[in-house]
Amino acid sequence: MKRLYQTAYMQTTMVETIDRSNSSKCSRICSKHLIIFTRFPEPGRTKTRLMPALGAEGAAQVQKQMTEHTLATVDQLTKHHRQHSPVSVDVRFAGGTQALMQHWLGLNWTYTPQGDGDLGDRLLRAFQHAFERGAAAVLAIGIDCPDITADLLTDAFHRLMTSDIVIGPADDGGYYLIGLSKLVPECFQNIEWGTETVRQTTIETASNLSLDVTQLPVLSDVDRPGDLHIWERALTTSPLRTTVALSIIVPALNEGAGIGVLLQSLIERHDLESAEIIVVDGGSTDNTVETARSWPVRILSSPPGRANQMNTGAQHARGDILLFLHADTVLPQNFQAAIVDTLDNPDVVAGAFELSIQGQNSALRLVEWGVRWRSHLFQLPYGDQGLFMKRKVFDTVGGFPDLPIMEDFELIQQLRRNGRVAIAPASVITSGRRWETLGVLKTTLINQAVILGYVCGVAPARLARWYRSARNHTRLSE
């Protein structure tokens, strides 16, 4: 918990930049809108009624896990409805900041502070905000009921087509869900929140207003130590426990022009049931994040730098195999089979693909030949070749080193100490924009100079500065 809080604060400035650039984009609300009430999991300020049994850290950890469980369920809902009746999601939070929430839960959702007042005031504001922006059916849930499923939420939206109000009754007299097909402020006024009369009072209010109410199955909340068995049981079927065969991790920074093409090629060519795609944004100021949101992928944020971004993606990945893919690189057909076949060799600890560079310049074919020679003879593929390995291997070598440049080179060195780095018999296709912009010879010379400097012990920070300067100077002199 402490690490989450400290790491997130280090990223606050970067994420707030994303917030400002995307604030207007995140305000769009679909006709079906879901509101989720939660808190940032700061020890001592959340799930306080569980603290006698779990302590401050333990209670905050349960808050964190239950929120992630709920968002994983909601992710299933939004993927199911994406094509025909999309569902927009607003996470209404207390504690922390918008930047902290984005770092914790990703960039797929909109985050809005709950604001002041009792629960009724905060619920009313959230519903009013949704209806004012065009929603036709609005649901609100908390994170305390782990038995909420994507199917139940779908059913609740369906019931709002013929009912004014839908209520998910909790067995303590409250409700775990409330949905409206139109704004009814009276449902949130003159309620004794936190008591066993909440649901009954709400139903009586609706009856007095001649509103049609339908109820969902009764479920249990997790509020007190005696309820923890409910959470422990739910963990066995939680979407968070579901693993996938492959996690494709894409670090991106201002890749708005190409990220959509990459994601389309991935999603059209592989089974999302057995794989996941994670885009890790490093602080883009263009439409990278907005474009990625159009696809069924997870979107995370991290400080800029591919090492930071790829390690962040790996930390959140559920796959047994990790594939690190640059945003300007397209995978070959049947890439999953090629990865599995390559890693099936017991001597192989990691792999990569052959490299094909877009462009008609014959000099690019010489570059491809050099890459092929280097990769096979010296087992030295680089990041634009799509590095892949089993998660346990990635964890064993400690992930990508925290370097501003040459992070893939150093990782390969670590991997080679543990086994063979193999090249799959298929080629990725990477953009030729670097070579086209600077020229093939100049690009190659700059790259080789950086490698030579690193091998000779030049500090990576100094190399990174020189690399940026050399590329910028070359552009300006042309």
Protein backbone atom coordinates (compact mmCIF):
# COMPACT_ATOMS: atom_id res chain seq x y z
CA MET A 1 0.00 0.00 0.00
CA LYS A 2 2.76 2.43 0.93
CA ARG A 3 4.52 1.71 -2.36
CA LEU A 4 1.32 2.40 -4.34
CA TYR A 5 0.84 5.70 -2.57
CA GLN A 6 4.46 6.90 -2.91
CA THR A 7 4.90 5.77 -6.52
CA ALA A 8 1.66 7.39 -7.57
CA TYR A 9 2.59 10.70 -6.01
CA MET A 10 5.84 10.72 -7.98
CA GLN A 11 3.74 10.53 -11.15
CA THR A 12 1.16 13.17 -10.21
CA THR A 13 2.53 15.95 -12.40
CA MET A 14 2.79 13.73 -15.47
CA VAL A 15 -0.73 12.34 -15.11
CA GLU A 16 -2.22 15.78 -14.46
CA THR A 17 -0.80 16.80 -17.83
CA ILE A 18 -2.77 13.96 -19.38
CA ASP A 19 -5.83 15.09 -17.42
CA ARG A 20 -5.66 18.59 -18.85
CA SER A 21 -5.16 17.40 -22.43
CA ASN A 22 -8.00 14.88 -22.21
CA SER A 23 -10.46 16.59 -19.88
CA SER A 24 -12.89 17.41 -22.66
CA LYS A 25 -12.50 13.98 -24.24
CA CYS A 26 -13.29 12.16 -20.96
CA SER A 27 -16.56 14.02 -20.43
CA ARG A 28 -18.46 12.07 -23.08
CA ILE A 29 -21.30 10.00 -21.62
CA CYS A 30 -23.08 7.18 -23.44
CA SER A 31 -26.81 6.51 -23.18
CA LYS A 32 -25.91 3.79 -20.66
CA HIS A 33 -23.84 5.17 -17.83
CA LEU A 34 -22.35 3.46 -14.78
CA ILE A 35 -21.20 5.28 -11.64
CA ILE A 36 -18.81 3.57 -9.22
CA PHE A 37 -18.30 4.95 -5.71
CA THR A 38 -14.98 4.13 -4.04
CA ARG A 39 -12.10 5.59 -2.05
CA PHE A 40 -8.38 5.80 -2.60
CA PRO A 41 -6.95 3.04 -0.36
CA GLU A 42 -5.03 5.15 2.15
CA PRO A 43 -4.45 3.21 5.40
CA GLY A 44 -6.46 4.54 8.32
CA ARG A 45 -9.01 6.33 6.14
CA THR A 46 -10.81 3.50 4.38
CA LYS A 47 -12.72 0.41 5.49
CA THR A 48 -12.32 1.57 9.07
CA ARG A 49 -14.91 -0.94 10.33
CA LEU A 50 -12.57 -3.74 9.21
CA MET A 51 -9.57 -2.29 11.02
CA PRO A 52 -10.19 -4.13 14.34
CA ALA A 53 -9.74 -7.42 12.48
CA LEU A 54 -7.24 -6.45 9.76
CA GLY A 55 -5.44 -3.33 10.96
CA ALA A 56 -5.16 -0.12 8.96
CA GLU A 57 -2.93 -1.60 6.22
CA GLY A 58 -5.02 -4.76 5.92
CA ALA A 59 -8.29 -2.85 5.69
CA ALA A 60 -6.84 -0.57 3.00
CA GLN A 61 -5.60 -3.61 1.10
CA VAL A 62 -9.12 -5.08 1.09
CA GLN A 63 -10.45 -1.73 -0.18
CA LYS A 64 -7.85 -1.80 -2.96
CA GLN A 65 -8.61 -5.39 -3.94
CA MET A 66 -12.39 -4.94 -3.87
CA THR A 67 -12.15 -1.84 -6.07
CA GLU A 68 -9.93 -3.68 -8.56
CA HIS A 69 -12.33 -6.65 -8.49
CA THR A 70 -15.26 -4.33 -9.26
CA LEU A 71 -13.42 -2.60 -12.11
CA ALA A 72 -12.45 -5.98 -13.58
CA THR A 73 -16.14 -6.90 -13.58
CA VAL A 74 -17.02 -3.56 -15.18
CA ASP A 75 -14.32 -4.13 -17.79
CA GLN A 76 -16.12 -7.34 -18.79
CA LEU A 77 -19.37 -5.35 -19.04
CA THR A 78 -17.93 -2.61 -21.25
CA LYS A 79 -16.23 -5.09 -23.59
CA HIS A 80 -19.49 -6.98 -24.04
CA HIS A 81 -21.43 -3.79 -24.83
CA ARG A 82 -18.72 -2.00 -26.82
CA GLN A 83 -20.06 -2.62 -30.32
CA HIS A 84 -23.82 -2.04 -30.04
CA SER A 85 -24.66 -0.23 -26.80
CA PRO A 86 -21.52 1.13 -25.16
CA VAL A 87 -21.46 1.89 -21.45
CA SER A 88 -19.58 4.92 -20.13
CA VAL A 89 -18.04 4.68 -16.66
CA ASP A 90 -17.37 7.35 -14.05
CA VAL A 91 -15.37 6.42 -10.95
CA ARG A 92 -16.49 8.77 -8.17
CA PHE A 93 -13.71 8.78 -5.61
CA ALA A 94 -12.98 10.15 -2.15
CA GLY A 95 -9.45 10.62 -0.84
CA GLY A 96 -6.39 10.82 -3.06
CA THR A 97 -6.39 12.79 -6.29
CA GLN A 98 -7.37 12.23 -9.88
CA ALA A 99 -3.72 11.55 -10.73
CA LEU A 100 -3.43 8.94 -7.97
CA MET A 101 -6.61 7.22 -9.11
CA GLN A 102 -5.43 7.12 -12.73
CA HIS A 103 -2.08 5.66 -11.80
CA TRP A 104 -3.79 3.02 -9.66
CA LEU A 105 -6.68 1.96 -11.91
CA GLY A 106 -5.58 3.07 -15.38
CA LEU A 107 -6.80 5.54 -17.98
CA ASN A 108 -9.83 3.59 -19.24
CA TRP A 109 -12.22 5.38 -16.90
CA THR A 110 -13.29 8.92 -16.04
CA TYR A 111 -12.50 9.97 -12.46
CA THR A 112 -14.55 12.55 -10.56
CA PRO A 113 -14.26 13.59 -6.91
CA GLN A 114 -17.37 12.72 -4.91
CA GLY A 115 -17.46 16.16 -3.32
CA ASP A 116 -19.02 17.26 -0.04
CA GLY A 117 -22.22 16.24 1.69
CA ASP A 118 -23.77 12.97 2.81
CA LEU A 119 -24.15 9.95 0.54
CA GLY A 120 -27.46 11.28 -0.79
CA ASP A 121 -25.90 14.58 -1.83
CA ARG A 122 -23.05 12.80 -3.59
CA LEU A 123 -25.32 10.32 -5.36
CA LEU A 124 -27.66 13.07 -6.52
CA ARG A 125 -24.76 15.08 -7.99
CA ALA A 126 -23.46 12.02 -9.85
CA PHE A 127 -26.87 11.15 -11.35
CA GLN A 128 -27.61 14.77 -12.22
CA HIS A 129 -24.25 15.07 -13.99
CA ALA A 130 -25.00 11.95 -16.07
CA PHE A 131 -28.52 12.93 -17.10
CA GLU A 132 -27.47 16.48 -17.95
CA ARG A 133 -24.95 15.03 -20.40
CA GLY A 134 -27.44 12.85 -22.22
CA ALA A 135 -27.55 9.53 -20.40
CA ALA A 136 -30.84 7.63 -20.69
CA ALA A 137 -30.14 4.92 -18.11
CA VAL A 138 -27.82 5.39 -15.14
CA LEU A 139 -26.65 2.86 -12.56
CA ALA A 140 -24.66 3.51 -9.40
CA ILE A 141 -22.80 0.85 -7.43
CA GLY A 142 -20.21 0.70 -4.68
CA ILE A 143 -17.33 -1.72 -4.38
CA ASP A 144 -18.56 -3.45 -1.21
CA CYS A 145 -20.60 -6.16 -2.96
CA PRO A 146 -18.19 -8.62 -4.65
CA ASP A 147 -21.02 -10.78 -6.05
CA ILE A 148 -22.03 -8.12 -8.59
CA THR A 149 -21.43 -9.59 -12.05
CA ALA A 150 -21.37 -8.21 -15.58
CA ASP A 151 -24.56 -10.16 -16.31
CA LEU A 152 -26.30 -8.59 -13.32
CA LEU A 153 -25.35 -5.10 -14.48
CA THR A 154 -26.57 -5.92 -17.98
CA ASP A 155 -29.87 -7.10 -16.48
CA ALA A 156 -30.17 -3.88 -14.48
CA PHE A 157 -29.73 -1.75 -17.60
CA HIS A 158 -32.29 -3.91 -19.41
CA ARG A 159 -34.85 -3.45 -16.61
CA LEU A 160 -34.49 0.33 -16.84
CA MET A 161 -36.01 0.11 -20.32
CA THR A 162 -39.40 -0.57 -18.68
CA SER A 163 -38.95 0.69 -15.09
CA ASP A 164 -38.28 4.10 -13.57
CA ILE A 165 -36.04 2.71 -10.84
CA VAL A 166 -34.10 -0.51 -10.36
CA ILE A 167 -32.74 -1.45 -6.94
CA GLY A 168 -30.25 -4.14 -5.96
CA PRO A 169 -31.20 -4.97 -2.37
CA ALA A 170 -28.48 -5.71 0.16
CA ASP A 171 -29.29 -8.07 3.02
CA ASP A 172 -28.54 -5.37 5.61
CA GLY A 173 -31.50 -3.21 4.55
CA GLY A 174 -29.59 -0.98 2.17
CA TYR A 175 -28.88 -1.44 -1.52
CA TYR A 176 -25.78 -2.38 -3.49
CA LEU A 177 -27.14 -0.82 -6.71
CA ILE A 178 -29.60 1.86 -7.69
CA GLY A 179 -30.54 2.75 -11.24
CA LEU A 180 -32.73 5.47 -12.71
CA SER A 181 -34.19 6.07 -16.15
CA LYS A 182 -34.78 9.73 -15.21
CA LEU A 183 -33.59 12.02 -12.46
CA VAL A 184 -35.57 11.57 -9.22
CA PRO A 185 -33.93 13.80 -6.55
CA GLU A 186 -36.38 12.61 -3.88
CA CYS A 187 -34.73 9.15 -3.92
CA PHE A 188 -31.68 10.65 -2.25
CA GLN A 189 -33.30 13.06 0.17
CA ASN A 190 -34.47 12.55 3.76
CA ILE A 191 -32.74 9.15 3.96
CA GLU A 192 -31.07 7.90 7.17
CA TRP A 193 -27.94 6.61 5.43
CA GLY A 194 -26.15 3.69 7.03
CA THR A 195 -29.28 2.28 8.62
CA GLU A 196 -31.43 -0.76 7.81
CA THR A 197 -34.25 1.49 6.61
CA VAL A 198 -32.49 2.90 3.53
CA ARG A 199 -33.99 0.57 0.95
CA GLN A 200 -37.50 0.59 2.37
CA THR A 201 -37.56 4.39 2.61
CA THR A 202 -36.39 4.64 -1.01
CA ILE A 203 -39.10 2.26 -2.21
CA GLU A 204 -41.79 4.13 -0.25
CA THR A 205 -40.63 7.43 -1.74
CA ALA A 206 -40.85 5.97 -5.24
CA SER A 207 -44.34 4.61 -4.50
CA ASN A 208 -45.52 8.03 -3.31
CA LEU A 209 -44.27 9.47 -6.61
CA SER A 210 -46.10 6.74 -8.59
CA LEU A 211 -42.82 5.45 -9.98
CA ASP A 212 -42.31 1.88 -11.13
CA VAL A 213 -39.61 0.02 -9.12
CA THR A 214 -38.07 -3.34 -9.96
CA GLN A 215 -35.69 -5.23 -7.68
CA LEU A 216 -32.70 -7.45 -8.42
CA PRO A 217 -31.59 -10.47 -6.34
CA VAL A 218 -30.57 -9.84 -2.72
CA LEU A 219 -26.77 -9.80 -2.23
CA SER A 220 -24.43 -9.20 0.69
CA ASP A 221 -22.07 -6.28 1.32
CA VAL A 222 -18.68 -6.59 3.00
CA ASP A 223 -18.69 -3.97 5.75
CA ARG A 224 -17.67 -5.67 9.00
CA PRO A 225 -15.21 -8.38 10.09
CA GLY A 226 -18.02 -10.95 10.08
CA ASP A 227 -18.52 -10.30 6.34
CA LEU A 228 -14.96 -11.13 5.29
CA HIS A 229 -15.89 -14.72 4.40
CA ILE A 230 -18.01 -13.24 1.58
CA TRP A 231 -14.96 -11.53 0.12
CA GLU A 232 -12.78 -14.63 0.56
CA ARG A 233 -15.35 -16.72 -1.31
CA ALA A 234 -15.66 -14.14 -4.09
CA LEU A 235 -11.87 -14.13 -4.60
CA THR A 236 -12.02 -17.70 -5.93
CA THR A 237 -14.06 -16.54 -8.94
CA SER A 238 -12.76 -12.99 -9.26
CA PRO A 239 -11.85 -11.76 -12.79
CA LEU A 240 -8.56 -10.69 -11.21
CA ARG A 241 -7.61 -14.33 -10.71
CA THR A 242 -8.13 -15.13 -14.37
CA THR A 243 -4.83 -15.59 -16.17
CA VAL A 244 -4.28 -15.38 -19.90
CA ALA A 245 -1.72 -17.07 -22.08
CA LEU A 246 -0.17 -13.84 -23.37
CA SER A 247 0.08 -10.20 -22.31
CA ILE A 248 1.07 -7.78 -25.09
CA ILE A 249 2.59 -4.67 -23.52
CA VAL A 250 2.83 -1.57 -25.72
CA PRO A 251 4.74 1.49 -24.41
CA ALA A 252 3.45 4.61 -26.13
CA LEU A 253 4.35 8.29 -26.19
CA ASN A 254 2.60 10.58 -28.69
CA GLU A 255 1.71 7.67 -30.96
CA GLY A 256 -1.75 8.95 -31.87
CA ALA A 257 -1.07 8.66 -35.59
CA GLY A 258 -0.29 4.95 -35.46
CA ILE A 259 -1.62 3.39 -32.27
CA GLY A 260 -5.05 2.77 -33.78
CA VAL A 261 -3.56 0.84 -36.71
CA LEU A 262 -1.52 -1.31 -34.33
CA LEU A 263 -4.44 -2.08 -32.02
CA GLN A 264 -6.73 -2.89 -34.92
CA SER A 265 -4.18 -5.33 -36.33
CA LEU A 266 -3.78 -7.00 -32.93
CA ILE A 267 -7.45 -7.26 -32.07
CA GLU A 268 -8.48 -8.56 -35.49
CA ARG A 269 -5.83 -11.26 -35.42
CA HIS A 270 -5.79 -12.76 -31.96
CA ASP A 271 -8.20 -14.23 -29.43
CA LEU A 272 -8.88 -11.78 -26.61
CA GLU A 273 -9.99 -14.67 -24.41
CA SER A 274 -6.44 -16.03 -24.33
CA ALA A 275 -4.53 -12.74 -24.52
CA GLU A 276 -4.68 -9.18 -23.30
CA ILE A 277 -3.31 -5.90 -24.65
CA ILE A 278 -1.92 -3.30 -22.27
CA VAL A 279 -1.04 0.19 -23.54
CA VAL A 280 1.22 2.08 -21.14
CA ASP A 281 1.21 5.79 -21.89
CA GLY A 282 4.26 7.82 -20.93
CA GLY A 283 2.57 11.23 -20.82
CA SER A 284 1.34 11.77 -24.37
CA THR A 285 0.12 15.24 -25.31
CA ASP A 286 -1.63 14.10 -28.50
CA ASN A 287 -4.64 11.79 -28.91
CA THR A 288 -2.82 8.55 -28.07
CA VAL A 289 -4.90 7.81 -24.97
CA GLU A 290 -8.20 8.79 -26.60
CA THR A 291 -7.49 6.55 -29.60
CA ALA A 292 -6.52 3.62 -27.38
CA ARG A 293 -9.78 4.00 -25.46
CA SER A 294 -11.64 3.11 -28.66
CA TRP A 295 -10.34 -0.45 -28.42
CA PRO A 296 -10.83 -3.21 -25.79
CA VAL A 297 -7.43 -2.74 -24.18
CA ARG A 298 -6.17 -1.81 -20.74
CA ILE A 299 -4.59 1.64 -20.55
CA LEU A 300 -2.06 2.46 -17.86
CA SER A 301 0.16 5.46 -17.22
CA SER A 302 3.74 5.75 -16.05
CA PRO A 303 6.59 8.27 -16.13
CA PRO A 304 8.12 8.56 -19.61
CA GLY A 305 10.83 6.13 -20.59
CA ARG A 306 10.33 2.70 -22.13
CA ALA A 307 11.85 0.90 -19.14
CA ASN A 308 9.35 2.53 -16.79
CA GLN A 309 6.46 1.92 -19.14
CA MET A 310 7.25 -1.72 -19.87
CA ASN A 311 7.87 -2.55 -16.21
CA THR A 312 4.55 -0.91 -15.31
CA GLY A 313 2.78 -3.00 -17.94
CA ALA A 314 4.43 -6.18 -16.68
CA GLN A 315 3.45 -5.37 -13.10
CA HIS A 316 -0.24 -5.28 -14.08
CA ALA A 317 -0.15 -8.08 -16.66
CA ARG A 318 -2.02 -11.36 -16.12
CA GLY A 319 -0.26 -13.35 -18.83
CA ASP A 320 2.03 -16.33 -18.40
CA ILE A 321 4.04 -14.93 -21.34
CA LEU A 322 4.97 -11.27 -21.78
CA LEU A 323 5.48 -9.69 -25.21
CA PHE A 324 6.91 -6.17 -25.36
CA LEU A 325 5.89 -4.46 -28.58
CA HIS A 326 6.78 -0.98 -29.82
CA ALA A 327 3.80 1.09 -30.94
CA ASP A 328 5.14 1.41 -34.51
CA THR A 329 5.67 -2.33 -34.99
CA VAL A 330 3.17 -4.86 -36.41
CA LEU A 331 3.33 -8.53 -35.51
CA PRO A 332 3.37 -11.34 -38.11
CA GLN A 333 0.49 -13.73 -38.76
CA ASN A 334 0.27 -16.60 -36.25
CA PHE A 335 2.64 -14.81 -33.90
CA GLN A 336 1.21 -16.56 -30.84
CA ALA A 337 2.07 -19.99 -32.21
CA ALA A 338 5.56 -18.77 -33.10
CA ILE A 339 6.08 -17.49 -29.55
CA VAL A 340 4.88 -20.71 -27.94
CA ASP A 341 7.00 -22.88 -30.26
CA THR A 342 10.10 -20.78 -29.57
CA LEU A 343 9.71 -20.88 -25.80
CA ASP A 344 8.92 -24.61 -25.77
CA ASN A 345 12.65 -25.29 -26.23
CA PRO A 346 13.99 -25.89 -22.68
CA ASP A 347 17.26 -24.10 -23.53
CA VAL A 348 15.44 -20.91 -24.57
CA VAL A 349 14.71 -18.23 -21.95
CA ALA A 350 13.46 -15.52 -24.30
CA GLY A 351 12.91 -14.73 -27.92
CA ALA A 352 12.25 -12.09 -30.55
CA PHE A 353 11.25 -11.89 -34.20
CA GLU A 354 13.15 -11.17 -37.38
CA LEU A 355 12.97 -7.51 -38.41
CA SER A 356 11.43 -6.10 -41.56
CA ILE A 357 11.55 -2.32 -42.08
CA GLN A 358 8.91 -0.50 -44.09
CA GLY A 359 10.33 1.43 -47.03
CA GLN A 360 11.66 0.96 -50.58
CA ASN A 361 15.20 2.22 -49.93
CA SER A 362 17.56 -0.63 -50.79
CA ALA A 363 19.82 0.43 -47.91
CA LEU A 364 17.07 -0.71 -45.50
CA ARG A 365 17.59 -4.27 -46.75
CA LEU A 366 21.22 -4.00 -45.63
CA VAL A 367 20.03 -2.89 -42.21
CA GLU A 368 17.68 -5.89 -42.04
CA TRP A 369 20.57 -8.17 -43.01
CA GLY A 370 22.74 -6.70 -40.26
CA VAL A 371 19.99 -7.14 -37.69
CA ARG A 372 19.52 -10.77 -38.75
CA TRP A 373 23.25 -11.45 -38.48
CA ARG A 374 23.50 -9.78 -35.07
CA SER A 375 20.40 -11.50 -33.69
CA HIS A 376 21.30 -15.04 -34.73
CA LEU A 377 25.06 -14.99 -34.23
CA PHE A 378 25.28 -12.96 -31.03
CA GLN A 379 21.74 -13.47 -29.63
CA LEU A 380 21.27 -9.69 -29.55
CA PRO A 381 17.77 -8.74 -30.70
CA TYR A 382 16.54 -5.30 -29.63
CA GLY A 383 13.22 -3.92 -28.55
CA ASP A 384 11.77 -3.17 -31.99
CA GLN A 385 11.93 -6.91 -32.74
CA GLY A 386 9.22 -7.72 -30.19
CA LEU A 387 10.95 -9.27 -27.18
CA PHE A 388 9.00 -12.05 -25.43
CA MET A 389 9.61 -14.34 -22.46
CA LYS A 390 7.78 -16.17 -19.73
CA ARG A 391 6.76 -14.08 -16.76
CA LYS A 392 8.82 -16.13 -14.34
CA VAL A 393 11.94 -15.42 -16.43
CA PHE A 394 11.14 -11.69 -16.53
CA ASP A 395 10.75 -11.67 -12.75
CA THR A 396 13.95 -13.68 -12.26
CA VAL A 397 16.12 -11.16 -14.13
CA GLY A 398 14.38 -8.23 -12.42
CA GLY A 399 12.63 -6.73 -15.44
CA PHE A 400 13.99 -3.88 -17.54
CA PRO A 401 16.77 -1.96 -15.79
CA ASP A 402 15.95 1.61 -14.84
CA LEU A 403 17.92 3.21 -17.66
CA PRO A 404 17.04 6.18 -19.91
CA ILE A 405 18.48 4.31 -22.91
CA MET A 406 19.80 0.83 -23.77
CA GLU A 407 17.31 -0.82 -21.42
CA ASP A 408 16.61 -3.60 -23.94
CA PHE A 409 20.33 -4.20 -24.57
CA GLU A 410 21.00 -4.61 -20.86
CA LEU A 411 17.97 -6.89 -20.39
CA ILE A 412 19.23 -9.14 -23.17
CA GLN A 413 22.60 -9.39 -21.42
CA GLN A 414 20.83 -10.53 -18.26
CA LEU A 415 18.74 -13.05 -20.19
CA ARG A 416 21.76 -14.55 -21.96
CA ARG A 417 23.27 -15.39 -18.57
CA ASN A 418 20.24 -17.61 -17.93
CA GLY A 419 19.88 -19.36 -21.29
CA ARG A 420 19.55 -18.86 -25.01
CA VAL A 421 17.76 -15.94 -26.69
CA ALA A 422 16.15 -17.39 -29.81
CA ILE A 423 14.78 -15.77 -32.95
CA ALA A 424 11.33 -16.89 -34.11
CA PRO A 425 11.03 -17.75 -37.83
CA ALA A 426 8.75 -14.83 -38.62
CA SER A 427 9.23 -11.08 -39.07
CA VAL A 428 7.71 -8.09 -37.40
CA ILE A 429 7.23 -5.05 -39.60
CA THR A 430 8.44 -1.80 -38.06
CA SER A 431 8.06 1.75 -39.28
CA GLY A 432 10.92 3.13 -41.34
CA ARG A 433 10.29 6.69 -40.15
CA ARG A 434 13.54 6.91 -38.16
CA TRP A 435 15.64 5.93 -41.16
CA GLU A 436 13.61 8.04 -43.56
CA THR A 437 13.87 11.14 -41.37
CA LEU A 438 17.60 11.02 -40.65
CA GLY A 439 18.83 8.85 -43.48
CA VAL A 440 19.81 5.19 -43.25
CA LEU A 441 23.54 5.77 -42.85
CA LYS A 442 23.21 8.52 -40.22
CA THR A 443 20.64 6.55 -38.22
CA THR A 444 22.84 3.47 -38.25
CA LEU A 445 25.94 5.41 -37.22
CA ILE A 446 24.11 7.12 -34.34
CA ASN A 447 22.75 3.80 -33.11
CA GLN A 448 26.12 2.08 -33.28
CA ALA A 449 27.83 4.99 -31.53
CA VAL A 450 25.38 4.71 -28.63
CA ILE A 451 26.00 0.96 -28.34
CA LEU A 452 29.77 1.46 -28.43
CA GLY A 453 29.57 4.21 -25.82
CA TYR A 454 27.47 2.04 -23.52
CA VAL A 455 29.83 -0.94 -23.85
CA CYS A 456 32.75 1.37 -23.09
CA GLY A 457 31.13 2.55 -19.89
CA VAL A 458 29.69 5.94 -20.81
CA ALA A 459 26.89 6.86 -18.38
CA PRO A 460 23.44 6.04 -19.82
CA ALA A 461 22.09 9.50 -18.90
CA ARG A 462 24.91 11.11 -20.88
CA LEU A 463 24.30 8.77 -23.82
CA ALA A 464 20.59 9.60 -23.79
CA ARG A 465 21.34 13.33 -23.93
CA TRP A 466 23.83 12.83 -26.77
CA TYR A 467 21.38 10.59 -28.65
CA ARG A 468 18.61 13.18 -28.51
CA SER A 469 20.99 15.96 -29.45
CA ALA A 470 22.46 14.02 -32.39
CA ARG A 471 19.02 13.21 -33.79
CA ASN A 472 17.78 16.78 -33.37
CA HIS A 473 20.95 18.29 -34.87
CA THR A 474 20.72 15.98 -37.87
CA ARG A 475 17.10 16.97 -38.48
CA LEU A 476 17.91 20.69 -38.32
CA SER A 477 20.90 20.42 -40.64
CA GLU A 478 18.95 18.77 -43.44
